[in-house]
Amino acid sequence: MALASLITLVPLVTVGIIGRLFVKTNYLTLCGLLAGSMTDPPALAFAGSVTNSDEPTVSYAAVYPLTMILRVLLAQLVVLLFL
């Protein structure tokens, strides 16, 4: 369970730190971006409840399709590599 937590938290914290400190992304956009990268609608609902802005929804919508396509392609690649 600890390894599963690390697999989830390390990329999120890394992207959050890089996005906030180096790219200067604001909190709302970063919340939508991270929610979209995890394809996590409850996280988007949280970000939307914090503000009246559409920034989290826009960044979620920008990242979500790419994430879904990459999930499908990477799953097929993993199956091909391990056969």
PDB file of N, CA and C in Angstrom:
ATOM      1  N   MET A   1       0.823  -1.176   0.000  1.00  0.00           N
ATOM      2  CA  MET A   1       0.000   0.000   0.000  1.00  0.00           C
ATOM      3  C   MET A   1       0.882   1.260   0.000  1.00  0.00           C
ATOM      4  N   ALA A   2       2.004   1.174   0.669  1.00  0.00           N
ATOM      5  CA  ALA A   2       2.912   2.323   0.696  1.00  0.00           C
ATOM      6  C   ALA A   2       3.467   2.612  -0.698  1.00  0.00           C
ATOM      7  N   LEU A   3       3.798   1.561  -1.450  1.00  0.00           N
ATOM      8  CA  LEU A   3       4.307   1.767  -2.807  1.00  0.00           C
ATOM      9  C   LEU A   3       3.239   2.366  -3.717  1.00  0.00           C
ATOM     10  N   ALA A   4       2.006   1.934  -3.554  1.00  0.00           N
ATOM     11  CA  ALA A   4       0.913   2.503  -4.346  1.00  0.00           C
ATOM     12  C   ALA A   4       0.739   3.983  -4.034  1.00  0.00           C
ATOM     13  N   SER A   5       0.881   4.339  -2.770  1.00  0.00           N
ATOM     14  CA  SER A   5       0.797   5.753  -2.388  1.00  0.00           C
ATOM     15  C   SER A   5       1.930   6.558  -3.011  1.00  0.00           C
ATOM     16  N   LEU A   6       3.118   5.990  -3.021  1.00  0.00           N
ATOM     17  CA  LEU A   6       4.253   6.688  -3.624  1.00  0.00           C
ATOM     18  C   LEU A   6       4.082   6.859  -5.130  1.00  0.00           C
ATOM     19  N   ILE A   7       3.557   5.828  -5.783  1.00  0.00           N
ATOM     20  CA  ILE A   7       3.342   5.897  -7.226  1.00  0.00           C
ATOM     21  C   ILE A   7       2.346   7.004  -7.565  1.00  0.00           C
ATOM     22  N   THR A   8       1.401   7.242  -6.684  1.00  0.00           N
ATOM     23  CA  THR A   8       0.407   8.289  -6.913  1.00  0.00           C
ATOM     24  C   THR A   8       0.938   9.661  -6.508  1.00  0.00           C
ATOM     25  N   LEU A   9       1.551   9.748  -5.359  1.00  0.00           N
ATOM     26  CA  LEU A   9       1.934  11.050  -4.813  1.00  0.00           C
ATOM     27  C   LEU A   9       3.167  11.669  -5.459  1.00  0.00           C
ATOM     28  N   VAL A  10       4.153  10.878  -5.784  1.00  0.00           N
ATOM     29  CA  VAL A  10       5.394  11.438  -6.330  1.00  0.00           C
ATOM     30  C   VAL A  10       5.157  12.209  -7.634  1.00  0.00           C
ATOM     31  N   PRO A  11       4.452  11.660  -8.625  1.00  0.00           N
ATOM     32  CA  PRO A  11       4.208  12.456  -9.841  1.00  0.00           C
ATOM     33  C   PRO A  11       3.350  13.695  -9.587  1.00  0.00           C
ATOM     34  N   LEU A  12       2.349  13.569  -8.717  1.00  0.00           N
ATOM     35  CA  LEU A  12       1.493  14.724  -8.447  1.00  0.00           C
ATOM     36  C   LEU A  12       2.256  15.852  -7.763  1.00  0.00           C
ATOM     37  N   VAL A  13       3.033  15.513  -6.778  1.00  0.00           N
ATOM     38  CA  VAL A  13       3.802  16.529  -6.062  1.00  0.00           C
ATOM     39  C   VAL A  13       4.865  17.130  -6.985  1.00  0.00           C
ATOM     40  N   THR A  14       5.496  16.305  -7.792  1.00  0.00           N
ATOM     41  CA  THR A  14       6.519  16.794  -8.718  1.00  0.00           C
ATOM     42  C   THR A  14       5.922  17.777  -9.720  1.00  0.00           C
ATOM     43  N   VAL A  15       4.812  17.398 -10.344  1.00  0.00           N
ATOM     44  CA  VAL A  15       4.159  18.288 -11.309  1.00  0.00           C
ATOM     45  C   VAL A  15       3.646  19.542 -10.618  1.00  0.00           C
ATOM     46  N   GLY A  16       3.114  19.392  -9.422  1.00  0.00           N
ATOM     47  CA  GLY A  16       2.633  20.551  -8.682  1.00  0.00           C
ATOM     48  C   GLY A  16       3.736  21.543  -8.373  1.00  0.00           C
ATOM     49  N   ILE A  17       4.881  21.054  -7.937  1.00  0.00           N
ATOM     50  CA  ILE A  17       6.008  21.935  -7.610  1.00  0.00           C
ATOM     51  C   ILE A  17       6.564  22.589  -8.874  1.00  0.00           C
ATOM     52  N   ILE A  18       6.755  21.807  -9.918  1.00  0.00           N
ATOM     53  CA  ILE A  18       7.280  22.364 -11.171  1.00  0.00           C
ATOM     54  C   ILE A  18       6.305  23.377 -11.754  1.00  0.00           C
ATOM     55  N   GLY A  19       5.019  23.038 -11.757  1.00  0.00           N
ATOM     56  CA  GLY A  19       4.021  23.948 -12.303  1.00  0.00           C
ATOM     57  C   GLY A  19       3.902  25.237 -11.523  1.00  0.00           C
ATOM     58  N   ARG A  20       4.009  25.155 -10.228  1.00  0.00           N
ATOM     59  CA  ARG A  20       3.852  26.339  -9.383  1.00  0.00           C
ATOM     60  C   ARG A  20       5.109  27.206  -9.356  1.00  0.00           C
ATOM     61  N   LEU A  21       6.269  26.600  -9.174  1.00  0.00           N
ATOM     62  CA  LEU A  21       7.488  27.381  -8.994  1.00  0.00           C
ATOM     63  C   LEU A  21       8.157  27.803 -10.301  1.00  0.00           C
ATOM     64  N   PHE A  22       8.203  26.907 -11.270  1.00  0.00           N
ATOM     65  CA  PHE A  22       8.952  27.205 -12.484  1.00  0.00           C
ATOM     66  C   PHE A  22       8.077  27.734 -13.617  1.00  0.00           C
ATOM     67  N   VAL A  23       6.887  27.161 -13.790  1.00  0.00           N
ATOM     68  CA  VAL A  23       6.007  27.591 -14.873  1.00  0.00           C
ATOM     69  C   VAL A  23       5.096  28.731 -14.427  1.00  0.00           C
ATOM     70  N   LYS A  24       4.989  28.940 -13.115  1.00  0.00           N
ATOM     71  CA  LYS A  24       4.166  29.991 -12.514  1.00  0.00           C
ATOM     72  C   LYS A  24       2.679  29.822 -12.823  1.00  0.00           C
ATOM     73  N   THR A  25       2.215  28.586 -12.817  1.00  0.00           N
ATOM     74  CA  THR A  25       0.805  28.283 -13.031  1.00  0.00           C
ATOM     75  C   THR A  25       0.033  28.598 -11.757  1.00  0.00           C
ATOM     76  N   ASN A  26      -1.144  29.204 -11.900  1.00  0.00           N
ATOM     77  CA  ASN A  26      -1.915  29.529 -10.701  1.00  0.00           C
ATOM     78  C   ASN A  26      -2.572  28.276 -10.127  1.00  0.00           C
ATOM     79  N   TYR A  27      -3.039  28.392  -8.910  1.00  0.00           N
ATOM     80  CA  TYR A  27      -3.564  27.244  -8.159  1.00  0.00           C
ATOM     81  C   TYR A  27      -4.762  26.601  -8.855  1.00  0.00           C
ATOM     82  N   LEU A  28      -5.677  27.404  -9.369  1.00  0.00           N
ATOM     83  CA  LEU A  28      -6.890  26.857  -9.976  1.00  0.00           C
ATOM     84  C   LEU A  28      -6.586  26.091 -11.263  1.00  0.00           C
ATOM     85  N   THR A  29      -5.721  26.632 -12.076  1.00  0.00           N
ATOM     86  CA  THR A  29      -5.329  25.940 -13.297  1.00  0.00           C
ATOM     87  C   THR A  29      -4.592  24.651 -12.967  1.00  0.00           C
ATOM     88  N   LEU A  30      -3.738  24.707 -11.957  1.00  0.00           N
ATOM     89  CA  LEU A  30      -2.988  23.531 -11.538  1.00  0.00           C
ATOM     90  C   LEU A  30      -3.909  22.443 -10.998  1.00  0.00           C
ATOM     91  N   CYS A  31      -4.946  22.826 -10.258  1.00  0.00           N
ATOM     92  CA  CYS A  31      -5.922  21.845  -9.756  1.00  0.00           C
ATOM     93  C   CYS A  31      -6.633  21.147 -10.912  1.00  0.00           C
ATOM     94  N   GLY A  32      -7.068  21.910 -11.901  1.00  0.00           N
ATOM     95  CA  GLY A  32      -7.727  21.317 -13.064  1.00  0.00           C
ATOM     96  C   GLY A  32      -6.795  20.437 -13.866  1.00  0.00           C
ATOM     97  N   LEU A  33      -5.550  20.864 -14.003  1.00  0.00           N
ATOM     98  CA  LEU A  33      -4.559  20.090 -14.740  1.00  0.00           C
ATOM     99  C   LEU A  33      -4.284  18.750 -14.052  1.00  0.00           C
ATOM    100  N   LEU A  34      -4.108  18.778 -12.738  1.00  0.00           N
ATOM    101  CA  LEU A  34      -3.838  17.537 -12.005  1.00  0.00           C
ATOM    102  C   LEU A  34      -5.064  16.623 -11.988  1.00  0.00           C
ATOM    103  N   ALA A  35      -6.258  17.205 -11.869  1.00  0.00           N
ATOM    104  CA  ALA A  35      -7.483  16.399 -11.906  1.00  0.00           C
ATOM    105  C   ALA A  35      -7.646  15.745 -13.280  1.00  0.00           C
ATOM    106  N   GLY A  36      -7.336  16.479 -14.337  1.00  0.00           N
ATOM    107  CA  GLY A  36      -7.429  15.919 -15.681  1.00  0.00           C
ATOM    108  C   GLY A  36      -6.397  14.851 -15.939  1.00  0.00           C
ATOM    109  N   SER A  37      -5.211  15.019 -15.374  1.00  0.00           N
ATOM    110  CA  SER A  37      -4.172  14.012 -15.584  1.00  0.00           C
ATOM    111  C   SER A  37      -4.489  12.713 -14.863  1.00  0.00           C
ATOM    112  N   MET A  38      -5.290  12.788 -13.813  1.00  0.00           N
ATOM    113  CA  MET A  38      -5.703  11.578 -13.093  1.00  0.00           C
ATOM    114  C   MET A  38      -7.083  11.109 -13.540  1.00  0.00           C
ATOM    115  N   THR A  39      -7.701  11.847 -14.477  1.00  0.00           N
ATOM    116  CA  THR A  39      -9.085  11.622 -14.898  1.00  0.00           C
ATOM    117  C   THR A  39      -9.978  11.448 -13.667  1.00  0.00           C
ATOM    118  N   ASP A  40      -9.968  12.453 -12.819  1.00  0.00           N
ATOM    119  CA  ASP A  40     -10.629  12.416 -11.519  1.00  0.00           C
ATOM    120  C   ASP A  40     -11.693  13.515 -11.411  1.00  0.00           C
ATOM    121  N   PRO A  41     -12.949  13.226 -11.805  1.00  0.00           N
ATOM    122  CA  PRO A  41     -14.007  14.238 -11.716  1.00  0.00           C
ATOM    123  C   PRO A  41     -14.269  14.770 -10.300  1.00  0.00           C
ATOM    124  N   PRO A  42     -14.151  13.964  -9.226  1.00  0.00           N
ATOM    125  CA  PRO A  42     -14.340  14.561  -7.905  1.00  0.00           C
ATOM    126  C   PRO A  42     -13.304  15.641  -7.572  1.00  0.00           C
ATOM    127  N   ALA A  43     -12.085  15.480  -8.046  1.00  0.00           N
ATOM    128  CA  ALA A  43     -11.075  16.515  -7.831  1.00  0.00           C
ATOM    129  C   ALA A  43     -11.442  17.779  -8.599  1.00  0.00           C
ATOM    130  N   LEU A  44     -12.004  17.623  -9.787  1.00  0.00           N
ATOM    131  CA  LEU A  44     -12.464  18.781 -10.552  1.00  0.00           C
ATOM    132  C   LEU A  44     -13.632  19.451  -9.836  1.00  0.00           C
ATOM    133  N   ALA A  45     -14.527  18.665  -9.266  1.00  0.00           N
ATOM    134  CA  ALA A  45     -15.655  19.235  -8.520  1.00  0.00           C
ATOM    135  C   ALA A  45     -15.152  20.033  -7.326  1.00  0.00           C
ATOM    136  N   PHE A  46     -14.127  19.534  -6.646  1.00  0.00           N
ATOM    137  CA  PHE A  46     -13.535  20.286  -5.536  1.00  0.00           C
ATOM    138  C   PHE A  46     -12.967  21.604  -6.025  1.00  0.00           C
ATOM    139  N   ALA A  47     -12.199  21.560  -7.099  1.00  0.00           N
ATOM    140  CA  ALA A  47     -11.597  22.788  -7.629  1.00  0.00           C
ATOM    141  C   ALA A  47     -12.675  23.771  -8.070  1.00  0.00           C
ATOM    142  N   GLY A  48     -13.761  23.259  -8.626  1.00  0.00           N
ATOM    143  CA  GLY A  48     -14.849  24.132  -9.036  1.00  0.00           C
ATOM    144  C   GLY A  48     -15.609  24.723  -7.862  1.00  0.00           C
ATOM    145  N   SER A  49     -15.661  24.000  -6.751  1.00  0.00           N
ATOM    146  CA  SER A  49     -16.380  24.515  -5.586  1.00  0.00           C
ATOM    147  C   SER A  49     -15.587  25.588  -4.842  1.00  0.00           C
ATOM    148  N   VAL A  50     -14.287  25.634  -5.063  1.00  0.00           N
ATOM    149  CA  VAL A  50     -13.442  26.624  -4.403  1.00  0.00           C
ATOM    150  C   VAL A  50     -13.622  28.008  -5.031  1.00  0.00           C
ATOM    151  N   THR A  51     -13.972  28.042  -6.307  1.00  0.00           N
ATOM    152  CA  THR A  51     -14.030  29.309  -7.028  1.00  0.00           C
ATOM    153  C   THR A  51     -15.238  29.358  -7.959  1.00  0.00           C
ATOM    154  N   ASN A  52     -15.527  30.544  -8.450  1.00  0.00           N
ATOM    155  CA  ASN A  52     -16.578  30.712  -9.461  1.00  0.00           C
ATOM    156  C   ASN A  52     -15.983  30.756 -10.862  1.00  0.00           C
ATOM    157  N   SER A  53     -14.678  30.620 -10.963  1.00  0.00           N
ATOM    158  CA  SER A  53     -13.979  30.700 -12.235  1.00  0.00           C
ATOM    159  C   SER A  53     -14.084  29.388 -13.004  1.00  0.00           C
ATOM    160  N   ASP A  54     -13.883  29.474 -14.312  1.00  0.00           N
ATOM    161  CA  ASP A  54     -13.885  28.287 -15.174  1.00  0.00           C
ATOM    162  C   ASP A  54     -12.475  27.755 -15.421  1.00  0.00           C
ATOM    163  N   GLU A  55     -11.464  28.330 -14.795  1.00  0.00           N
ATOM    164  CA  GLU A  55     -10.080  27.915 -15.037  1.00  0.00           C
ATOM    165  C   GLU A  55      -9.834  26.433 -14.780  1.00  0.00           C
ATOM    166  N   PRO A  56     -10.316  25.864 -13.666  1.00  0.00           N
ATOM    167  CA  PRO A  56     -10.070  24.427 -13.467  1.00  0.00           C
ATOM    168  C   PRO A  56     -10.717  23.561 -14.546  1.00  0.00           C
ATOM    169  N   THR A  57     -11.904  23.948 -14.972  1.00  0.00           N
ATOM    170  CA  THR A  57     -12.620  23.164 -15.992  1.00  0.00           C
ATOM    171  C   THR A  57     -11.916  23.236 -17.341  1.00  0.00           C
ATOM    172  N   VAL A  58     -11.406  24.399 -17.683  1.00  0.00           N
ATOM    173  CA  VAL A  58     -10.712  24.570 -18.965  1.00  0.00           C
ATOM    174  C   VAL A  58      -9.425  23.752 -18.990  1.00  0.00           C
ATOM    175  N   SER A  59      -8.645  23.804 -17.919  1.00  0.00           N
ATOM    176  CA  SER A  59      -7.401  23.028 -17.917  1.00  0.00           C
ATOM    177  C   SER A  59      -7.685  21.530 -17.833  1.00  0.00           C
ATOM    178  N   TYR A  60      -8.763  21.132 -17.136  1.00  0.00           N
ATOM    179  CA  TYR A  60      -9.170  19.726 -17.089  1.00  0.00           C
ATOM    180  C   TYR A  60      -9.528  19.244 -18.492  1.00  0.00           C
ATOM    181  N   ALA A  61     -10.310  20.055 -19.198  1.00  0.00           N
ATOM    182  CA  ALA A  61     -10.740  19.681 -20.553  1.00  0.00           C
ATOM    183  C   ALA A  61      -9.575  19.624 -21.524  1.00  0.00           C
ATOM    184  N   ALA A  62      -8.523  20.383 -21.271  1.00  0.00           N
ATOM    185  CA  ALA A  62      -7.360  20.367 -22.153  1.00  0.00           C
ATOM    186  C   ALA A  62      -6.508  19.117 -21.952  1.00  0.00           C
ATOM    187  N   VAL A  63      -6.469  18.599 -20.731  1.00  0.00           N
ATOM    188  CA  VAL A  63      -5.586  17.481 -20.401  1.00  0.00           C
ATOM    189  C   VAL A  63      -6.297  16.131 -20.505  1.00  0.00           C
ATOM    190  N   TYR A  64      -7.566  16.085 -20.191  1.00  0.00           N
ATOM    191  CA  TYR A  64      -8.319  14.833 -20.106  1.00  0.00           C
ATOM    192  C   TYR A  64      -8.261  13.991 -21.389  1.00  0.00           C
ATOM    193  N   PRO A  65      -8.526  14.547 -22.578  1.00  0.00           N
ATOM    194  CA  PRO A  65      -8.493  13.693 -23.790  1.00  0.00           C
ATOM    195  C   PRO A  65      -7.122  13.071 -24.045  1.00  0.00           C
ATOM    196  N   LEU A  66      -6.067  13.849 -23.840  1.00  0.00           N
ATOM    197  CA  LEU A  66      -4.720  13.316 -24.041  1.00  0.00           C
ATOM    198  C   LEU A  66      -4.435  12.183 -23.069  1.00  0.00           C
ATOM    199  N   THR A  67      -4.855  12.343 -21.823  1.00  0.00           N
ATOM    200  CA  THR A  67      -4.642  11.313 -20.821  1.00  0.00           C
ATOM    201  C   THR A  67      -5.363  10.020 -21.197  1.00  0.00           C
ATOM    202  N   MET A  68      -6.597  10.136 -21.656  1.00  0.00           N
ATOM    203  CA  MET A  68      -7.355   8.935 -22.026  1.00  0.00           C
ATOM    204  C   MET A  68      -6.731   8.228 -23.229  1.00  0.00           C
ATOM    205  N   ILE A  69      -6.283   8.990 -24.202  1.00  0.00           N
ATOM    206  CA  ILE A  69      -5.637   8.385 -25.376  1.00  0.00           C
ATOM    207  C   ILE A  69      -4.348   7.684 -24.969  1.00  0.00           C
ATOM    208  N   LEU A  70      -3.555   8.332 -24.127  1.00  0.00           N
ATOM    209  CA  LEU A  70      -2.298   7.725 -23.683  1.00  0.00           C
ATOM    210  C   LEU A  70      -2.537   6.477 -22.848  1.00  0.00           C
ATOM    211  N   ARG A  71      -3.594   6.458 -22.057  1.00  0.00           N
ATOM    212  CA  ARG A  71      -3.906   5.250 -21.278  1.00  0.00           C
ATOM    213  C   ARG A  71      -4.198   4.063 -22.187  1.00  0.00           C
ATOM    214  N   VAL A  72      -4.974   4.298 -23.216  1.00  0.00           N
ATOM    215  CA  VAL A  72      -5.319   3.214 -24.148  1.00  0.00           C
ATOM    216  C   VAL A  72      -4.075   2.733 -24.884  1.00  0.00           C
ATOM    217  N   LEU A  73      -3.283   3.676 -25.384  1.00  0.00           N
ATOM    218  CA  LEU A  73      -2.088   3.303 -26.148  1.00  0.00           C
ATOM    219  C   LEU A  73      -1.038   2.621 -25.272  1.00  0.00           C
ATOM    220  N   LEU A  74      -0.831   3.134 -24.072  1.00  0.00           N
ATOM    221  CA  LEU A  74       0.170   2.520 -23.196  1.00  0.00           C
ATOM    222  C   LEU A  74      -0.267   1.142 -22.712  1.00  0.00           C
ATOM    223  N   ALA A  75      -1.552   0.940 -22.501  1.00  0.00           N
ATOM    224  CA  ALA A  75      -2.030  -0.385 -22.108  1.00  0.00           C
ATOM    225  C   ALA A  75      -1.755  -1.395 -23.216  1.00  0.00           C
ATOM    226  N   GLN A  76      -1.996  -1.005 -24.448  1.00  0.00           N
ATOM    227  CA  GLN A  76      -1.720  -1.895 -25.579  1.00  0.00           C
ATOM    228  C   GLN A  76      -0.217  -2.153 -25.718  1.00  0.00           C
ATOM    229  N   LEU A  77       0.583  -1.125 -25.481  1.00  0.00           N
ATOM    230  CA  LEU A  77       2.027  -1.277 -25.565  1.00  0.00           C
ATOM    231  C   LEU A  77       2.556  -2.228 -24.496  1.00  0.00           C
ATOM    232  N   VAL A  78       2.024  -2.115 -23.288  1.00  0.00           N
ATOM    233  CA  VAL A  78       2.446  -3.008 -22.208  1.00  0.00           C
ATOM    234  C   VAL A  78       2.086  -4.450 -22.547  1.00  0.00           C
ATOM    235  N   VAL A  79       0.900  -4.657 -23.096  1.00  0.00           N
ATOM    236  CA  VAL A  79       0.487  -6.017 -23.464  1.00  0.00           C
ATOM    237  C   VAL A  79       1.411  -6.565 -24.550  1.00  0.00           C
ATOM    238  N   LEU A  80       1.740  -5.755 -25.532  1.00  0.00           N
ATOM    239  CA  LEU A  80       2.628  -6.204 -26.608  1.00  0.00           C
ATOM    240  C   LEU A  80       4.035  -6.503 -26.119  1.00  0.00           C
ATOM    241  N   LEU A  81       4.519  -5.700 -25.175  1.00  0.00           N
ATOM    242  CA  LEU A  81       5.873  -5.905 -24.674  1.00  0.00           C
ATOM    243  C   LEU A  81       6.002  -7.160 -23.812  1.00  0.00           C
ATOM    244  N   PHE A  82       4.956  -7.524 -23.114  1.00  0.00           N
ATOM    245  CA  PHE A  82       5.037  -8.651 -22.196  1.00  0.00           C
ATOM    246  C   PHE A  82       4.482  -9.954 -22.775  1.00  0.00           C
ATOM    247  N   LEU A  83       4.161  -9.961 -24.038  1.00  0.00           N
ATOM    248  CA  LEU A  83       3.707 -11.207 -24.677  1.00  0.00           C
ATOM    249  C   LEU A  83       4.837 -11.972 -25.265  1.00  0.00           C
TER     250      LEU A  83
END
